[in-house]
Amino acid sequence: MRYPAPDLPEGKWQESVTEVERSRFIAWLCHAPSVAAFEALLAAARQTHPNASHHCSAFIAGPPGEQNAIGFSDDGEPGGTAGRPMYQVLEGAGIGQVGCVVTRHFGGTKLGTGGLARAYAQAVSQALEGLACREVVERLPVRLKVDFAGEAEARAWLAAYDAPVDGAAYLSDGVVLTAAWPSDVEVDLQPLATRLRGRLARLDSR
């Protein structure tokens, strides 16, 4: 599976500000490959704006469509007016590994439940417009054994097929390479076996 995710380093986030009826909505976005990464963003938002009215949030700590490592919070706003609309915008954007906090500074005018939901959704949508993303490729480990003479050619072939080697074990009669194979591409080592004249053995059956 391949999908976009925020191109932000650990501990960094992107901010944007939306104003609705004198209330300021500050949207924070981060790369959240884990729930802990999102929680770090939430803590930073609370520390930076300790007097804010609310710190509402939503996150998807996995690929688009993730069902377990997800969450959202209204943080004191009327139920369903903040966290869920924020999450729906993230989900609709098709982005994975993303965390979002919207900090609200109340401006004195009540927006009503519909107005709140629109304002929080708008804040997230506006933040996403300027977000740089990178492609995440989910990978599976594929282990294969080659002789010493075939190692360099096997590494080059795997790299050309976007399956970089991320581990090697040297034995007395050859090398076991572990390649990070794209999960959305069928594993077919026959072309490599042909090039190595059969001096290749796959060590896993997946």
Protein backbone atom coordinates (compact mmCIF):
# COMPACT_ATOMS: atom_id res chain seq x y z
CA MET A 1 0.00 0.00 0.00
CA ARG A 2 1.21 3.49 -0.88
CA TYR A 3 -0.22 6.68 0.55
CA PRO A 4 0.73 10.29 1.34
CA ALA A 5 1.84 11.33 4.83
CA PRO A 6 3.05 14.68 6.20
CA ASP A 7 6.64 15.42 5.20
CA LEU A 8 7.57 16.80 8.61
CA PRO A 9 10.46 15.72 10.87
CA GLU A 10 9.84 14.32 14.33
CA GLY A 11 8.99 17.04 16.83
CA LYS A 12 8.07 19.58 14.14
CA TRP A 13 4.62 20.71 13.05
CA GLN A 14 2.86 23.05 10.67
CA GLU A 15 0.50 25.78 11.84
CA SER A 16 -2.21 27.86 10.20
CA VAL A 17 -4.75 30.30 11.63
CA THR A 18 -8.42 30.69 10.75
CA GLU A 19 -10.64 33.41 12.21
CA VAL A 20 -14.41 32.98 12.52
CA GLU A 21 -16.55 35.57 14.31
CA ARG A 22 -13.51 36.88 16.21
CA SER A 23 -12.57 33.40 17.45
CA ARG A 24 -9.09 32.26 16.42
CA PHE A 25 -8.66 28.62 15.39
CA ILE A 26 -4.98 27.60 15.26
CA ALA A 27 -4.51 24.30 13.43
CA TRP A 28 -1.42 22.22 14.12
CA LEU A 29 -0.46 19.30 11.86
CA CYS A 30 2.27 16.72 12.45
CA HIS A 31 3.58 13.44 11.10
CA ALA A 32 2.08 10.81 13.41
CA PRO A 33 3.35 7.31 12.64
CA SER A 34 2.39 6.45 16.22
CA VAL A 35 -0.11 7.61 18.83
CA ALA A 36 2.84 8.87 20.90
CA ALA A 37 3.83 11.26 18.10
CA PHE A 38 0.33 12.75 18.10
CA GLU A 39 0.34 13.02 21.90
CA ALA A 40 3.59 15.00 21.71
CA LEU A 41 1.88 17.48 19.37
CA LEU A 42 -1.10 17.83 21.72
CA ALA A 43 1.22 18.46 24.68
CA ALA A 44 3.10 21.12 22.70
CA ALA A 45 -0.14 22.88 21.75
CA ARG A 46 -1.31 22.95 25.36
CA GLN A 47 2.04 24.22 26.57
CA THR A 48 2.22 26.96 23.92
CA HIS A 49 -1.37 28.15 24.47
CA PRO A 50 -2.18 27.36 28.12
CA ASN A 51 -5.01 29.91 28.25
CA ALA A 52 -6.82 28.73 25.12
CA SER A 53 -10.48 27.80 25.41
CA HIS A 54 -10.08 24.36 23.80
CA HIS A 55 -7.48 22.06 22.23
CA CYS A 56 -9.56 19.78 20.01
CA SER A 57 -7.84 16.96 18.16
CA ALA A 58 -7.94 14.13 15.67
CA PHE A 59 -5.35 11.66 14.42
CA ILE A 60 -4.78 8.69 12.13
CA ALA A 61 -1.63 6.90 13.30
CA GLY A 62 -1.53 4.51 10.35
CA PRO A 63 -2.58 4.27 6.70
CA PRO A 64 -5.81 5.78 5.34
CA GLY A 65 -8.68 3.59 6.48
CA GLU A 66 -6.90 2.62 9.71
CA GLN A 67 -9.48 1.36 12.22
CA ASN A 68 -7.53 0.99 15.45
CA ALA A 69 -4.88 3.69 15.88
CA ILE A 70 -7.28 6.59 15.39
CA GLY A 71 -8.98 9.07 17.69
CA PHE A 72 -10.62 12.45 18.12
CA SER A 73 -11.63 14.72 20.99
CA ASP A 74 -13.97 17.70 21.44
CA ASP A 75 -12.04 18.86 24.54
CA GLY A 76 -15.07 20.49 26.14
CA GLU A 77 -16.80 21.72 23.01
CA PRO A 78 -20.37 20.40 22.51
CA GLY A 79 -20.28 16.74 21.56
CA GLY A 80 -19.61 16.05 17.88
CA THR A 81 -18.80 19.67 16.96
CA ALA A 82 -14.99 19.51 16.82
CA GLY A 83 -13.08 16.24 16.97
CA ARG A 84 -15.30 14.26 14.61
CA PRO A 85 -15.49 16.98 11.91
CA MET A 86 -11.71 17.32 12.14
CA TYR A 87 -11.26 13.55 11.76
CA GLN A 88 -13.64 13.44 8.80
CA VAL A 89 -11.55 16.06 6.97
CA LEU A 90 -8.35 14.06 7.60
CA GLU A 91 -10.04 10.84 6.48
CA GLY A 92 -11.49 12.48 3.39
CA ALA A 93 -8.07 13.82 2.38
CA GLY A 94 -6.71 10.26 2.07
CA ILE A 95 -3.67 11.06 4.21
CA GLY A 96 -2.11 8.62 6.65
CA GLN A 97 0.12 9.00 9.70
CA VAL A 98 -1.27 12.45 10.47
CA GLY A 99 -2.11 14.20 13.72
CA CYS A 100 -4.03 17.44 14.12
CA VAL A 101 -4.83 19.79 16.99
CA VAL A 102 -7.00 22.87 16.64
CA THR A 103 -6.53 25.38 19.44
CA ARG A 104 -9.43 27.78 19.87
CA HIS A 105 -9.26 31.23 21.45
CA PHE A 106 -12.86 32.28 22.07
CA GLY A 107 -13.73 35.64 20.55
CA GLY A 108 -16.92 36.36 22.46
CA THR A 109 -19.47 35.23 19.86
CA LYS A 110 -21.11 31.83 20.16
CA LEU A 111 -21.10 29.93 16.88
CA GLY A 112 -23.72 27.28 17.62
CA THR A 113 -23.17 23.58 17.01
CA GLY A 114 -23.32 23.83 13.22
CA GLY A 115 -21.05 26.84 13.15
CA LEU A 116 -18.51 25.13 15.40
CA ALA A 117 -18.41 22.01 13.24
CA ARG A 118 -17.88 24.11 10.12
CA ALA A 119 -15.19 26.23 11.77
CA TYR A 120 -13.16 23.26 13.01
CA ALA A 121 -13.46 21.48 9.67
CA GLN A 122 -12.45 24.67 7.86
CA ALA A 123 -9.41 25.09 10.08
CA VAL A 124 -8.18 21.59 9.25
CA SER A 125 -8.93 21.95 5.53
CA GLN A 126 -6.99 25.20 5.37
CA ALA A 127 -4.03 23.66 7.18
CA LEU A 128 -3.96 20.70 4.78
CA GLU A 129 -3.82 23.00 1.73
CA GLY A 130 -0.25 23.99 2.49
CA LEU A 131 0.96 20.64 3.81
CA ALA A 132 3.93 19.03 2.07
CA CYS A 133 3.57 15.24 1.86
CA ARG A 134 5.78 12.31 1.01
CA GLU A 135 4.84 8.84 -0.17
CA VAL A 136 4.81 6.04 2.38
CA VAL A 137 5.34 2.55 0.96
CA GLU A 138 4.36 -0.35 3.19
CA ARG A 139 6.87 -3.17 2.86
CA LEU A 140 7.26 -6.86 3.66
CA PRO A 141 10.53 -8.64 4.46
CA VAL A 142 11.65 -11.08 1.76
CA ARG A 143 14.64 -13.32 2.58
CA LEU A 144 16.74 -14.90 -0.12
CA LYS A 145 20.03 -16.75 -0.16
CA VAL A 146 22.66 -16.27 -2.85
CA ASP A 147 26.28 -17.30 -3.15
CA PHE A 148 29.05 -14.77 -2.58
CA ALA A 149 29.59 -14.25 -6.29
CA GLY A 150 25.96 -13.30 -6.81
CA GLU A 151 25.58 -10.88 -3.88
CA ALA A 152 26.44 -7.67 -5.73
CA GLU A 153 24.16 -8.50 -8.67
CA ALA A 154 21.32 -9.47 -6.32
CA ARG A 155 21.62 -6.19 -4.41
CA ALA A 156 21.61 -4.18 -7.63
CA TRP A 157 18.59 -6.06 -9.00
CA LEU A 158 16.63 -5.60 -5.76
CA ALA A 159 17.43 -1.89 -5.67
CA ALA A 160 16.21 -1.51 -9.25
CA TYR A 161 12.93 -3.16 -8.24
CA ASP A 162 12.47 -0.75 -5.29
CA ALA A 163 13.23 -3.49 -2.78
CA PRO A 164 16.29 -2.23 -0.89
CA VAL A 165 18.33 -4.63 1.21
CA ASP A 166 18.05 -3.78 4.90
CA GLY A 167 19.82 -6.81 6.33
CA ALA A 168 22.47 -9.36 5.44
CA ALA A 169 23.70 -12.49 7.20
CA TYR A 170 26.96 -14.03 5.96
CA LEU A 171 27.20 -17.81 6.18
CA SER A 172 29.93 -20.22 5.23
CA ASP A 173 28.30 -20.99 1.88
CA GLY A 174 26.63 -17.71 0.93
CA VAL A 175 24.68 -14.65 2.02
CA VAL A 176 21.10 -14.32 3.26
CA LEU A 177 19.71 -10.96 2.16
CA THR A 178 16.56 -9.45 3.64
CA ALA A 179 14.86 -7.11 1.19
CA ALA A 180 12.10 -4.61 2.01
CA TRP A 181 9.63 -5.56 -0.72
CA PRO A 182 6.70 -3.22 -1.54
CA SER A 183 3.57 -4.87 -0.17
CA ASP A 184 1.49 -3.87 -3.20
CA VAL A 185 3.80 -5.63 -5.66
CA GLU A 186 3.80 -9.41 -6.16
CA VAL A 187 7.08 -11.03 -5.17
CA ASP A 188 8.63 -12.52 -8.30
CA LEU A 189 12.28 -13.50 -7.99
CA GLN A 190 12.38 -15.61 -11.15
CA PRO A 191 14.11 -12.92 -13.27
CA LEU A 192 16.84 -12.67 -10.65
CA ALA A 193 17.14 -16.45 -10.42
CA THR A 194 17.60 -16.57 -14.19
CA ARG A 195 20.33 -13.96 -14.07
CA LEU A 196 22.09 -15.88 -11.29
CA ARG A 197 21.65 -19.18 -13.17
CA GLY A 198 19.60 -20.69 -10.38
CA ARG A 199 22.01 -19.81 -7.59
CA LEU A 200 19.22 -18.33 -5.48
CA ALA A 201 16.85 -19.70 -2.85
CA ARG A 202 13.92 -17.87 -1.25
CA LEU A 203 13.76 -18.61 2.46
CA ASP A 204 10.23 -17.48 3.21
CA SER A 205 6.96 -18.59 1.66
CA ARG A 206 4.94 -15.38 1.80
